[in-house]
């Protein structure tokens, strides 16, 4: 009994011994391998370009998210400050209104009579 390796070797040698196949087979195998290497290189280059493009899109998306979240946080801080300023202005306006209602002269003073 022959092993599988010995059987494969004898089959390959019988094919190579034939004249027509022997001339075209190495050329065909070489062309096949060259095309395979070319396609593999092209696919790797395309994958690299696509990954680079997706990395740029990911960076732009992350930057947009960061700007948006910082804007929201800034609005939260600004809201607290604006409320404090609004309350202070409201108190000041009501104090000013009370002062303007009071008369500068006492009703029984000489100039008022």
N, C-alpha and C. Protein backbone atom coordinates (compact mmCIF):
# COMPACT_ATOMS: atom_id res chain seq x y z
N UNK A 1 0.83 -1.19 0.00
CA UNK A 1 0.00 0.00 0.00
C UNK A 1 0.87 1.24 0.00
N UNK A 2 0.46 2.12 -0.85
CA UNK A 2 1.18 3.38 -0.93
C UNK A 2 0.51 4.39 -0.01
N UNK A 3 1.31 5.27 0.51
CA UNK A 3 0.73 6.35 1.32
C UNK A 3 0.16 7.41 0.40
N UNK A 4 -0.57 8.30 0.96
CA UNK A 4 -1.20 9.36 0.18
C UNK A 4 -0.16 10.26 -0.48
N UNK A 5 0.92 10.57 0.22
CA UNK A 5 1.98 11.42 -0.34
C UNK A 5 2.64 10.76 -1.54
N UNK A 6 2.93 9.46 -1.43
CA UNK A 6 3.55 8.74 -2.55
C UNK A 6 2.61 8.68 -3.74
N UNK A 7 1.33 8.51 -3.47
CA UNK A 7 0.35 8.46 -4.54
C UNK A 7 0.25 9.81 -5.24
N UNK A 8 0.28 10.90 -4.47
CA UNK A 8 0.22 12.24 -5.05
C UNK A 8 1.46 12.53 -5.89
N UNK A 9 2.62 12.13 -5.40
CA UNK A 9 3.87 12.34 -6.16
C UNK A 9 3.84 11.61 -7.49
N UNK A 10 3.42 10.37 -7.46
CA UNK A 10 3.39 9.60 -8.71
C UNK A 10 2.39 10.19 -9.69
N UNK A 11 1.26 10.70 -9.18
CA UNK A 11 0.26 11.34 -10.05
C UNK A 11 0.82 12.62 -10.67
N UNK A 12 1.51 13.42 -9.88
CA UNK A 12 2.09 14.67 -10.37
C UNK A 12 3.18 14.39 -11.40
N UNK A 13 4.03 13.41 -11.16
CA UNK A 13 5.08 13.08 -12.12
C UNK A 13 4.50 12.56 -13.42
N UNK A 14 3.41 11.82 -13.36
CA UNK A 14 2.80 11.31 -14.60
C UNK A 14 2.22 12.46 -15.43
N UNK A 15 1.71 13.50 -14.77
CA UNK A 15 1.18 14.66 -15.50
C UNK A 15 2.32 15.46 -16.10
N UNK A 16 3.40 15.66 -15.37
CA UNK A 16 4.52 16.46 -15.84
C UNK A 16 5.24 15.76 -17.00
N UNK A 17 5.24 14.45 -17.03
CA UNK A 17 5.94 13.72 -18.08
C UNK A 17 5.30 13.90 -19.45
N UNK A 18 4.02 14.26 -19.48
CA UNK A 18 3.36 14.45 -20.76
C UNK A 18 3.86 15.75 -21.37
N UNK A 19 4.12 15.74 -22.66
CA UNK A 19 4.78 16.86 -23.32
C UNK A 19 3.88 18.09 -23.39
N UNK A 20 2.62 17.96 -23.76
CA UNK A 20 1.75 19.11 -23.93
C UNK A 20 1.47 19.80 -22.60
N UNK A 21 1.26 19.03 -21.61
CA UNK A 21 0.93 19.60 -20.30
C UNK A 21 2.17 20.22 -19.68
N UNK A 22 3.32 19.64 -19.89
CA UNK A 22 4.54 20.12 -19.28
C UNK A 22 4.91 21.51 -19.76
N UNK A 23 4.62 21.85 -21.01
CA UNK A 23 4.95 23.17 -21.52
C UNK A 23 4.00 24.23 -20.97
N UNK A 24 2.73 23.95 -20.90
CA UNK A 24 1.74 24.96 -20.50
C UNK A 24 1.47 25.05 -19.01
N UNK A 25 1.71 23.97 -18.28
CA UNK A 25 1.37 23.93 -16.86
C UNK A 25 2.17 24.92 -16.03
N UNK A 26 3.48 24.98 -16.13
CA UNK A 26 4.22 25.96 -15.30
C UNK A 26 3.85 27.40 -15.65
N UNK A 27 3.65 27.65 -16.93
CA UNK A 27 3.26 28.99 -17.34
C UNK A 27 1.88 29.35 -16.77
N UNK A 28 0.95 28.43 -16.84
CA UNK A 28 -0.39 28.68 -16.28
C UNK A 28 -0.35 28.87 -14.78
N UNK A 29 0.42 28.06 -14.08
CA UNK A 29 0.54 28.19 -12.62
C UNK A 29 1.20 29.52 -12.27
N UNK A 30 2.23 29.93 -13.04
CA UNK A 30 2.91 31.19 -12.77
C UNK A 30 1.96 32.37 -12.98
N UNK A 31 1.19 32.33 -14.08
CA UNK A 31 0.22 33.42 -14.32
C UNK A 31 -0.83 33.46 -13.22
N UNK A 32 -1.30 32.29 -12.84
CA UNK A 32 -2.30 32.23 -11.76
C UNK A 32 -1.75 32.82 -10.46
N UNK A 33 -0.53 32.48 -10.11
CA UNK A 33 0.07 33.00 -8.87
C UNK A 33 0.31 34.51 -8.95
N UNK A 34 0.74 35.00 -10.10
CA UNK A 34 0.98 36.43 -10.25
C UNK A 34 -0.33 37.20 -10.11
N UNK A 35 -1.39 36.70 -10.75
CA UNK A 35 -2.68 37.37 -10.62
C UNK A 35 -3.20 37.32 -9.19
N UNK A 36 -2.97 36.21 -8.51
CA UNK A 36 -3.41 36.11 -7.12
C UNK A 36 -2.67 37.12 -6.25
N UNK A 37 -1.37 37.23 -6.45
CA UNK A 37 -0.60 38.20 -5.68
C UNK A 37 -1.03 39.62 -5.99
N UNK A 38 -1.33 39.92 -7.26
CA UNK A 38 -1.77 41.26 -7.66
C UNK A 38 -3.11 41.59 -7.02
N UNK A 39 -4.06 40.67 -7.08
CA UNK A 39 -5.37 40.91 -6.49
C UNK A 39 -5.30 41.06 -4.98
N UNK A 40 -4.45 40.27 -4.36
CA UNK A 40 -4.29 40.39 -2.90
C UNK A 40 -3.74 41.76 -2.54
N UNK A 41 -2.73 42.22 -3.32
CA UNK A 41 -2.18 43.55 -3.04
C UNK A 41 -3.23 44.64 -3.25
N UNK A 42 -4.02 44.52 -4.31
CA UNK A 42 -5.06 45.51 -4.59
C UNK A 42 -6.12 45.51 -3.49
N UNK A 43 -6.51 44.35 -3.03
CA UNK A 43 -7.50 44.26 -1.96
C UNK A 43 -6.95 44.84 -0.66
N UNK A 44 -5.69 44.58 -0.36
CA UNK A 44 -5.09 45.15 0.85
C UNK A 44 -5.02 46.67 0.75
N UNK A 45 -4.68 47.18 -0.42
CA UNK A 45 -4.62 48.64 -0.60
C UNK A 45 -6.00 49.25 -0.46
N UNK A 46 -7.01 48.62 -1.05
CA UNK A 46 -8.38 49.14 -0.92
C UNK A 46 -8.84 49.10 0.52
N UNK A 47 -8.53 48.02 1.24
CA UNK A 47 -8.92 47.93 2.65
C UNK A 47 -8.23 49.00 3.48
N UNK A 48 -6.98 49.28 3.18
CA UNK A 48 -6.25 50.32 3.89
C UNK A 48 -6.88 51.69 3.64
N UNK A 49 -7.24 51.97 2.39
CA UNK A 49 -7.88 53.25 2.08
C UNK A 49 -9.24 53.38 2.76
N UNK A 50 -10.03 52.33 2.73
CA UNK A 50 -11.34 52.38 3.39
C UNK A 50 -11.19 52.55 4.89
N UNK A 51 -10.24 51.85 5.49
CA UNK A 51 -10.05 51.99 6.94
C UNK A 51 -9.59 53.40 7.29
N UNK A 52 -8.76 53.99 6.45
CA UNK A 52 -8.32 55.37 6.66
C UNK A 52 -9.50 56.33 6.56
N UNK A 53 -10.36 56.13 5.56
CA UNK A 53 -11.55 56.96 5.41
C UNK A 53 -12.50 56.83 6.60
N UNK A 54 -12.70 55.61 7.07
CA UNK A 54 -13.57 55.42 8.23
C UNK A 54 -12.96 56.01 9.49
N UNK A 55 -11.64 55.97 9.61
CA UNK A 55 -11.00 56.59 10.76
C UNK A 55 -11.20 58.10 10.75
N UNK A 56 -11.13 58.71 9.57
CA UNK A 56 -11.37 60.16 9.47
C UNK A 56 -12.81 60.47 9.83
N UNK A 57 -13.75 59.68 9.33
CA UNK A 57 -15.17 59.90 9.66
C UNK A 57 -15.41 59.71 11.16
N UNK A 58 -14.76 58.72 11.76
CA UNK A 58 -14.90 58.50 13.19
C UNK A 58 -14.36 59.68 13.98
N UNK A 59 -13.24 60.23 13.56
CA UNK A 59 -12.66 61.39 14.24
C UNK A 59 -13.57 62.60 14.12
N UNK A 60 -14.14 62.83 12.92
CA UNK A 60 -15.06 63.96 12.74
C UNK A 60 -16.32 63.79 13.58
N UNK A 61 -16.85 62.59 13.63
CA UNK A 61 -18.02 62.32 14.46
C UNK A 61 -17.73 62.53 15.94
N UNK A 62 -16.58 62.07 16.38
CA UNK A 62 -16.19 62.26 17.78
C UNK A 62 -16.00 63.73 18.11
N UNK A 63 -15.43 64.48 17.18
CA UNK A 63 -15.25 65.91 17.38
C UNK A 63 -16.60 66.63 17.46
N UNK A 64 -17.54 66.25 16.60
CA UNK A 64 -18.87 66.86 16.63
C UNK A 64 -19.58 66.53 17.94
N UNK A 65 -19.45 65.30 18.41
CA UNK A 65 -20.06 64.93 19.69
C UNK A 65 -19.43 65.71 20.84
N UNK A 66 -18.12 65.87 20.81
CA UNK A 66 -17.42 66.59 21.86
C UNK A 66 -17.86 68.05 21.90
N UNK A 67 -17.94 68.69 20.73
CA UNK A 67 -18.37 70.09 20.67
C UNK A 67 -19.81 70.22 21.17
N UNK A 68 -20.67 69.29 20.78
CA UNK A 68 -22.06 69.33 21.23
C UNK A 68 -22.20 69.17 22.73
N UNK A 69 -21.47 68.22 23.29
CA UNK A 69 -21.57 68.00 24.74
C UNK A 69 -20.97 69.18 25.51
N UNK A 70 -19.89 69.76 25.00
CA UNK A 70 -19.33 70.94 25.66
C UNK A 70 -20.29 72.13 25.58
N UNK A 71 -20.98 72.26 24.46
CA UNK A 71 -21.97 73.33 24.32
C UNK A 71 -23.12 73.17 25.30
N UNK A 72 -23.60 71.92 25.46
CA UNK A 72 -24.67 71.69 26.43
C UNK A 72 -24.21 71.99 27.85
N UNK A 73 -23.01 71.58 28.18
CA UNK A 73 -22.49 71.84 29.52
C UNK A 73 -22.31 73.34 29.75
N UNK A 74 -21.85 74.05 28.73
CA UNK A 74 -21.71 75.50 28.83
C UNK A 74 -23.05 76.18 29.02
N UNK A 75 -24.08 75.69 28.33
CA UNK A 75 -25.42 76.26 28.50
C UNK A 75 -25.94 76.01 29.92
N UNK A 76 -25.64 74.85 30.48
CA UNK A 76 -26.05 74.58 31.87
C UNK A 76 -25.39 75.56 32.83
N UNK A 77 -24.09 75.78 32.66
CA UNK A 77 -23.40 76.74 33.53
C UNK A 77 -23.94 78.15 33.32
N UNK A 78 -24.19 78.51 32.07
CA UNK A 78 -24.69 79.86 31.77
C UNK A 78 -26.09 80.06 32.34
N UNK A 79 -26.90 79.00 32.35
CA UNK A 79 -28.26 79.13 32.88
C UNK A 79 -28.23 79.49 34.36
N UNK A 80 -27.35 78.87 35.11
CA UNK A 80 -27.24 79.17 36.54
C UNK A 80 -26.84 80.63 36.74
N UNK A 81 -25.85 81.09 35.97
CA UNK A 81 -25.39 82.47 36.10
C UNK A 81 -26.48 83.46 35.69
N UNK A 82 -27.20 83.16 34.61
CA UNK A 82 -28.25 84.06 34.13
C UNK A 82 -29.38 84.13 35.14
N UNK A 83 -29.71 83.02 35.74
CA UNK A 83 -30.77 83.05 36.77
C UNK A 83 -30.34 83.92 37.95
N UNK A 84 -29.08 83.82 38.36
CA UNK A 84 -28.59 84.63 39.47
C UNK A 84 -28.63 86.12 39.10
N UNK A 85 -28.21 86.43 37.89
CA UNK A 85 -28.23 87.82 37.44
C UNK A 85 -29.67 88.31 37.32
N UNK A 86 -30.56 87.47 36.83
CA UNK A 86 -31.97 87.84 36.71
C UNK A 86 -32.61 88.12 38.06
N UNK A 87 -32.33 87.26 39.02
CA UNK A 87 -32.86 87.48 40.36
C UNK A 87 -32.33 88.77 40.96
N UNK A 88 -31.05 89.01 40.78
CA UNK A 88 -30.45 90.23 41.30
C UNK A 88 -31.05 91.46 40.63
N UNK A 89 -31.24 91.40 39.32
CA UNK A 89 -31.84 92.53 38.59
C UNK A 89 -33.28 92.75 39.04
N UNK A 90 -34.01 91.67 39.26
CA UNK A 90 -35.40 91.79 39.71
C UNK A 90 -35.47 92.45 41.09
N UNK A 91 -34.58 92.04 42.00
CA UNK A 91 -34.55 92.67 43.33
C UNK A 91 -34.16 94.14 43.23
N UNK A 92 -33.18 94.42 42.38
CA UNK A 92 -32.76 95.82 42.20
C UNK A 92 -33.87 96.68 41.62
N UNK A 93 -34.60 96.12 40.65
CA UNK A 93 -35.70 96.87 40.04
C UNK A 93 -36.81 97.13 41.04
N UNK A 94 -37.13 96.12 41.86
CA UNK A 94 -38.19 96.34 42.86
C UNK A 94 -37.73 97.35 43.92
N UNK A 95 -36.46 97.33 44.29
CA UNK A 95 -35.95 98.31 45.24
C UNK A 95 -35.98 99.71 44.63
N UNK A 96 -35.62 99.82 43.37
CA UNK A 96 -35.67 101.10 42.68
C UNK A 96 -37.11 101.61 42.58
N UNK A 97 -38.04 100.70 42.35
CA UNK A 97 -39.44 101.08 42.26
C UNK A 97 -39.94 101.61 43.59
N UNK A 98 -39.53 100.97 44.68
CA UNK A 98 -39.94 101.44 46.00
C UNK A 98 -39.35 102.81 46.31
N UNK A 99 -38.12 103.00 45.93
CA UNK A 99 -37.47 104.29 46.17
C UNK A 99 -38.17 105.38 45.36
N UNK A 100 -38.56 105.07 44.13
CA UNK A 100 -39.21 106.09 43.31
C UNK A 100 -40.61 106.42 43.80
N UNK A 101 -41.26 105.55 44.52
CA UNK A 101 -42.58 105.84 45.07
C UNK A 101 -42.50 106.79 46.27
N UNK A 102 -41.43 106.71 46.99
CA UNK A 102 -41.29 107.58 48.16
C UNK A 102 -41.05 109.02 47.71
N UNK A 103 -41.59 109.92 48.44
CA UNK A 103 -41.35 111.33 48.14
C UNK A 103 -40.05 111.76 48.78
N UNK A 104 -39.36 112.65 48.09
CA UNK A 104 -38.10 113.12 48.63
C UNK A 104 -38.31 114.08 49.80
N UNK A 105 -39.45 114.75 49.81
CA UNK A 105 -39.73 115.70 50.88
C UNK A 105 -40.80 115.13 51.79
N UNK A 106 -40.68 115.45 53.01
CA UNK A 106 -41.68 115.05 53.98
C UNK A 106 -42.95 115.85 53.73
N UNK A 107 -44.15 115.28 53.86
CA UNK A 107 -45.37 116.01 53.54
C UNK A 107 -45.57 117.27 54.38
N UNK A 108 -45.02 117.34 55.53
CA UNK A 108 -45.25 118.52 56.38
C UNK A 108 -44.08 119.51 56.30
N UNK A 109 -43.20 119.35 55.39
CA UNK A 109 -42.06 120.27 55.30
C UNK A 109 -42.51 121.59 54.74
N UNK A 110 -41.67 122.60 54.85
CA UNK A 110 -42.04 123.95 54.43
C UNK A 110 -42.27 124.05 52.94
N UNK A 111 -41.42 123.40 52.12
CA UNK A 111 -41.57 123.53 50.69
C UNK A 111 -42.78 122.76 50.18
N UNK A 112 -43.22 121.72 50.88
CA UNK A 112 -44.37 120.97 50.43
C UNK A 112 -45.67 121.72 50.70
N UNK A 113 -45.73 122.65 51.66
CA UNK A 113 -46.98 123.35 51.99
C UNK A 113 -47.18 124.53 51.19
